Amino acid sequence: MKNILLGFLILIVVGFVTSCATVAVTGRSQLNLVPNSELIPMATTQYKDIITKGPLSTNVAKTQMVRDVGIKIQKAVEEYMSSNGKSSELNGFEWEFNLIEDTSTVNAWCMPGGKVAFYSAILPICKDENGIATVMGHEVAHAIANHGRERMSQQMVAQVGLSAFSSLLGNSPAMAQQLLLQAVGAGTTIGMLKFSRSHESEADHMGLIFMAIAGYDPSQAAEFWKRMSAMSGGAKPPEFLSTHPSDETRIKDIEVWLPEALKYYKK
């Protein structure tokens, strides 16, 4: 029995070690149990379903502004990845930027593979292109850092166990789709929140660099979060029960990362 348990533990350790990836920009190691070759097509299908249901905004000017900023952030990402020998990590990316008409949902997200959605309710807080670039850089950073893949891998381990993850996508597509939507959105249990807050901070850091390369002033990111804080009016849950860092924490972290980001900023 001891030998069996030992062998099982060895398999688990080997599985985790061989399933590690490295995040661009920060160099952090992360769990990777789902190849992007399988995840991105699934994400694309989910994105098309959401965009089809929409409704997409009919405001041409606002839609174009979101897309213009998105394209600049896309080019900045491609420039950064190319200059750091990581262009291959963008294989399978087919960028798309859409504005969904929703006056009550203050949100934006990016699917694995570069599919971005903004909700119109977040635009007044963004205020201008700098604000949109702050959000866009952050959300795109989630995709570049493969946070969705990492969250999904964590959830697969938590929900079905390491021994079953390899058959999940083929045998339980509905569960796999649900895990993907959770991974792109937020963790659902306190046990997963630690990772989600880590991801949010990492995306803030990376997003500053991407928006700076794209020609947007990274110092404006803190101003966006100050507006977000003012809008919330303190009606947020305690940080330890939130999947996002508090606005105060974010602003302080941005001030720490700002000198690094400014090195990439060209007016």
Protein backbone atom coordinates (compact mmCIF):
# COMPACT_ATOMS: atom_id res chain seq x y z
CA MET A 1 0.00 0.00 0.00
CA LYS A 2 2.84 2.39 0.88
CA ASN A 3 4.45 1.71 -2.48
CA ILE A 4 1.18 2.42 -4.25
CA LEU A 5 0.72 5.70 -2.37
CA LEU A 6 4.32 6.67 -3.06
CA GLY A 7 3.89 5.93 -6.74
CA PHE A 8 0.70 7.96 -6.83
CA LEU A 9 2.40 10.93 -5.19
CA ILE A 10 5.28 10.70 -7.65
CA LEU A 11 2.82 10.75 -10.54
CA ILE A 12 1.16 13.84 -9.11
CA VAL A 13 4.46 15.65 -8.66
CA VAL A 14 5.63 14.71 -12.15
CA GLY A 15 2.29 15.81 -13.57
CA PHE A 16 2.56 19.23 -11.99
CA VAL A 17 6.22 19.71 -12.86
CA THR A 18 5.73 18.79 -16.51
CA SER A 19 2.59 20.94 -16.72
CA CYS A 20 4.20 24.24 -15.75
CA ALA A 21 4.44 27.32 -17.94
CA THR A 22 6.00 30.75 -17.46
CA VAL A 23 4.14 34.06 -17.57
CA ALA A 24 5.48 36.64 -20.01
CA VAL A 25 6.76 39.88 -18.41
CA THR A 26 6.74 38.65 -14.79
CA GLY A 27 8.38 35.23 -15.31
CA ARG A 28 6.09 33.57 -12.75
CA SER A 29 5.61 29.79 -13.05
CA GLN A 30 2.02 28.63 -13.46
CA LEU A 31 0.01 25.43 -13.76
CA ASN A 32 -0.92 24.45 -17.31
CA LEU A 33 -3.08 21.36 -17.78
CA VAL A 34 -4.99 22.58 -20.85
CA PRO A 35 -3.17 23.31 -24.12
CA ASN A 36 -4.14 26.53 -25.88
CA SER A 37 -4.74 24.49 -29.01
CA GLU A 38 -7.83 23.11 -27.23
CA LEU A 39 -8.71 26.09 -25.07
CA ILE A 40 -8.71 28.85 -27.70
CA PRO A 41 -11.24 27.15 -30.04
CA MET A 42 -13.53 26.59 -27.05
CA ALA A 43 -13.13 30.22 -26.02
CA THR A 44 -13.89 31.38 -29.56
CA THR A 45 -17.14 29.41 -29.57
CA GLN A 46 -18.15 30.88 -26.21
CA TYR A 47 -17.29 34.39 -27.38
CA LYS A 48 -19.37 34.08 -30.54
CA ASP A 49 -22.32 32.88 -28.47
CA ILE A 50 -22.06 35.86 -26.09
CA ILE A 51 -21.57 38.40 -28.87
CA THR A 52 -24.47 36.96 -30.87
CA LYS A 53 -26.79 37.37 -27.89
CA GLY A 54 -25.35 40.87 -27.30
CA PRO A 55 -26.82 43.27 -27.90
CA LEU A 56 -23.86 45.02 -29.46
CA SER A 57 -23.75 48.80 -29.10
CA THR A 58 -25.12 50.83 -31.99
CA ASN A 59 -23.04 53.85 -30.97
CA VAL A 60 -20.56 53.99 -33.83
CA ALA A 61 -18.18 56.48 -32.19
CA LYS A 62 -17.88 54.59 -28.89
CA THR A 63 -17.55 51.22 -30.63
CA GLN A 64 -14.82 52.60 -32.89
CA MET A 65 -12.98 54.12 -29.92
CA VAL A 66 -12.91 50.75 -28.13
CA ARG A 67 -11.67 49.03 -31.28
CA ASP A 68 -9.04 51.68 -31.99
CA VAL A 69 -7.60 51.36 -28.49
CA GLY A 70 -7.82 47.59 -28.73
CA ILE A 71 -5.83 47.50 -31.95
CA LYS A 72 -3.12 49.72 -30.44
CA ILE A 73 -2.87 47.46 -27.40
CA GLN A 74 -2.77 44.42 -29.70
CA LYS A 75 0.15 45.89 -31.65
CA ALA A 76 1.91 46.78 -28.40
CA VAL A 77 1.56 43.20 -27.18
CA GLU A 78 2.83 41.82 -30.46
CA GLU A 79 5.78 44.22 -30.34
CA TYR A 80 6.64 43.26 -26.77
CA MET A 81 6.35 39.52 -27.40
CA SER A 82 8.43 39.76 -30.58
CA SER A 83 11.21 41.76 -28.95
CA ASN A 84 11.38 39.20 -26.14
CA GLY A 85 11.35 36.13 -28.38
CA LYS A 86 7.87 35.07 -27.31
CA SER A 87 5.84 35.55 -30.49
CA SER A 88 5.04 31.84 -30.58
CA GLU A 89 2.94 32.32 -27.44
CA LEU A 90 0.48 34.27 -29.59
CA ASN A 91 -0.14 31.32 -31.91
CA GLY A 92 -3.86 30.87 -32.39
CA PHE A 93 -4.72 34.45 -31.39
CA GLU A 94 -7.38 36.04 -33.58
CA TRP A 95 -8.04 39.45 -32.06
CA GLU A 96 -11.51 40.93 -31.88
CA PHE A 97 -12.90 43.92 -29.94
CA ASN A 98 -16.60 44.50 -29.34
CA LEU A 99 -18.74 46.84 -27.26
CA ILE A 100 -21.84 45.29 -25.68
CA GLU A 101 -24.73 47.62 -24.86
CA ASP A 102 -25.33 47.11 -21.15
CA THR A 103 -25.85 50.10 -18.87
CA SER A 104 -25.77 48.12 -15.62
CA THR A 105 -22.73 45.84 -15.99
CA VAL A 106 -19.46 47.62 -15.23
CA ASN A 107 -17.16 45.05 -16.76
CA ALA A 108 -14.80 44.04 -19.56
CA TRP A 109 -12.97 40.79 -20.28
CA CYS A 110 -10.70 39.04 -22.75
CA MET A 111 -11.06 35.42 -23.75
CA PRO A 112 -8.01 33.21 -24.40
CA GLY A 113 -7.03 33.96 -28.00
CA GLY A 114 -7.61 37.72 -27.84
CA LYS A 115 -11.41 38.04 -28.01
CA VAL A 116 -12.33 41.18 -26.02
CA ALA A 117 -15.70 42.47 -24.82
CA PHE A 118 -16.39 45.84 -23.18
CA TYR A 119 -19.74 46.68 -21.59
CA SER A 120 -21.01 50.21 -22.21
CA ALA A 121 -21.49 50.86 -18.47
CA ILE A 122 -17.73 50.96 -17.93
CA LEU A 123 -17.09 53.72 -20.49
CA PRO A 124 -18.16 56.68 -18.30
CA ILE A 125 -15.61 55.50 -15.69
CA CYS A 126 -12.96 55.08 -18.39
CA LYS A 127 -13.75 58.68 -19.39
CA ASP A 128 -11.35 58.75 -22.37
CA GLU A 129 -8.93 56.64 -24.39
CA ASN A 130 -6.43 56.53 -21.52
CA GLY A 131 -9.07 54.96 -19.30
CA ILE A 132 -10.08 52.49 -21.99
CA ALA A 133 -6.40 51.65 -22.51
CA THR A 134 -6.05 50.98 -18.77
CA VAL A 135 -8.90 48.47 -18.86
CA MET A 136 -7.93 47.07 -22.27
CA GLY A 137 -4.31 46.56 -21.27
CA HIS A 138 -5.40 44.83 -18.07
CA GLU A 139 -7.89 42.49 -19.74
CA VAL A 140 -5.57 41.63 -22.62
CA ALA A 141 -2.83 40.93 -20.06
CA HIS A 142 -5.06 38.20 -18.59
CA ALA A 143 -5.00 36.45 -21.96
CA ILE A 144 -1.27 36.96 -22.53
CA ALA A 145 -0.53 35.61 -19.05
CA ASN A 146 -2.85 32.66 -19.73
CA HIS A 147 -4.74 33.34 -16.52
CA GLY A 148 -7.87 31.70 -17.90
CA ARG A 149 -5.91 28.55 -18.66
CA GLU A 150 -4.29 28.60 -15.24
CA ARG A 151 -7.58 29.14 -13.41
CA MET A 152 -9.20 26.40 -15.42
CA SER A 153 -6.33 24.05 -14.60
CA GLN A 154 -6.70 24.85 -10.91
CA GLN A 155 -10.45 24.29 -11.05
CA MET A 156 -10.02 21.01 -12.89
CA VAL A 157 -7.72 19.76 -10.15
CA ALA A 158 -10.14 20.96 -7.47
CA GLN A 159 -13.30 19.59 -9.08
CA VAL A 160 -12.35 16.38 -10.85
CA GLY A 161 -8.90 15.49 -9.55
CA LEU A 162 -5.58 15.30 -11.36
CA SER A 163 -6.15 11.75 -12.61
CA ALA A 164 -9.28 12.75 -14.52
CA PHE A 165 -8.28 16.07 -16.08
CA SER A 166 -7.05 14.57 -19.34
CA SER A 167 -10.48 13.15 -20.19
CA LEU A 168 -12.54 16.14 -19.03
CA LEU A 169 -12.63 18.07 -22.29
CA GLY A 170 -13.69 15.08 -24.35
CA ASN A 171 -16.10 13.40 -21.93
CA SER A 172 -17.67 16.41 -20.21
CA PRO A 173 -17.78 19.34 -22.64
CA ALA A 174 -20.51 21.12 -20.66
CA MET A 175 -18.38 21.08 -17.52
CA ALA A 176 -15.37 22.23 -19.52
CA GLN A 177 -17.34 25.18 -20.91
CA GLN A 178 -18.51 26.13 -17.43
CA LEU A 179 -14.96 25.98 -16.12
CA LEU A 180 -13.84 28.25 -18.96
CA LEU A 181 -16.48 30.88 -18.20
CA GLN A 182 -15.59 30.79 -14.52
CA ALA A 183 -11.90 31.03 -15.35
CA VAL A 184 -12.36 34.11 -17.51
CA GLY A 185 -14.65 35.73 -14.95
CA ALA A 186 -13.84 35.06 -11.29
CA GLY A 187 -13.20 32.24 -8.85
CA THR A 188 -16.24 30.75 -7.13
CA THR A 189 -14.77 29.56 -3.87
CA ILE A 190 -12.66 31.27 -1.23
CA GLY A 191 -9.99 28.65 -1.80
CA MET A 192 -9.49 29.97 -5.32
CA LEU A 193 -9.58 33.68 -4.45
CA LYS A 194 -5.90 33.88 -3.55
CA PHE A 195 -4.99 32.95 -7.10
CA SER A 196 -7.53 35.34 -8.59
CA ARG A 197 -6.19 38.33 -6.66
CA SER A 198 -2.68 37.34 -7.74
CA HIS A 199 -3.85 37.25 -11.35
CA GLU A 200 -5.50 40.65 -11.08
CA SER A 201 -2.34 42.25 -9.71
CA GLU A 202 -0.23 40.56 -12.38
CA ALA A 203 -2.59 41.83 -15.09
CA ASP A 204 -2.37 45.35 -13.65
CA HIS A 205 1.43 45.17 -13.85
CA MET A 206 1.51 43.81 -17.40
CA GLY A 207 -1.29 46.10 -18.54
CA LEU A 208 0.71 49.18 -17.53
CA ILE A 209 3.54 48.10 -19.81
CA PHE A 210 1.24 47.28 -22.72
CA MET A 211 -0.61 50.61 -22.54
CA ALA A 212 2.72 52.47 -22.30
CA ILE A 213 4.07 50.74 -25.42
CA ALA A 214 0.79 51.59 -27.16
CA GLY A 215 1.42 55.29 -26.48
CA TYR A 216 -0.91 55.82 -23.53
CA ASP A 217 0.27 57.49 -20.32
CA PRO A 218 0.51 54.69 -17.72
CA SER A 219 0.16 57.23 -14.90
CA GLN A 220 -3.49 57.56 -15.94
CA ALA A 221 -4.16 54.01 -14.76
CA ALA A 222 -4.20 55.17 -11.14
CA GLU A 223 -6.68 57.90 -12.07
CA PHE A 224 -9.02 55.29 -13.53
CA TRP A 225 -8.97 53.26 -10.31
CA LYS A 226 -9.60 56.41 -8.27
CA ARG A 227 -12.73 56.99 -10.37
CA MET A 228 -13.72 53.35 -9.93
CA SER A 229 -13.28 53.69 -6.16
CA ALA A 230 -15.37 56.86 -6.08
CA MET A 231 -18.13 55.17 -8.09
CA SER A 232 -18.30 52.18 -5.73
CA GLY A 233 -18.72 54.46 -2.73
CA GLY A 234 -17.11 51.89 -0.44
CA ALA A 235 -19.81 49.32 -1.18
CA LYS A 236 -17.37 46.52 -1.94
CA PRO A 237 -16.77 43.32 0.04
CA PRO A 238 -13.61 43.03 2.18
CA GLU A 239 -10.52 42.42 0.05
CA PHE A 240 -9.95 38.92 1.48
CA LEU A 241 -13.40 37.91 0.15
CA SER A 242 -12.93 39.60 -3.20
CA THR A 243 -11.42 38.23 -6.37
CA HIS A 244 -9.90 41.65 -7.01
CA PRO A 245 -7.43 43.67 -4.94
CA SER A 246 -8.99 46.70 -3.24
CA ASP A 247 -8.81 49.93 -5.22
CA GLU A 248 -6.41 51.32 -2.61
CA THR A 249 -4.08 48.33 -3.02
CA ARG A 250 -4.22 48.62 -6.80
CA ILE A 251 -3.35 52.30 -6.76
CA LYS A 252 -0.39 51.75 -4.45
CA ASP A 253 0.88 48.86 -6.60
CA ILE A 254 0.53 50.91 -9.78
CA GLU A 255 2.64 53.66 -8.23
CA VAL A 256 5.34 51.07 -7.52
CA TRP A 257 5.28 49.70 -11.09
CA LEU A 258 4.97 53.10 -12.78
CA PRO A 259 8.73 53.84 -13.15
CA GLU A 260 9.17 50.54 -15.02
CA ALA A 261 6.19 51.25 -17.29
CA LEU A 262 7.34 54.79 -18.05
CA LYS A 263 10.50 53.37 -19.62
CA TYR A 264 8.27 52.04 -22.43
CA TYR A 265 6.21 55.21 -22.79
CA LYS A 266 6.79 57.38 -25.85
CA LYS A 267 4.55 60.41 -26.22
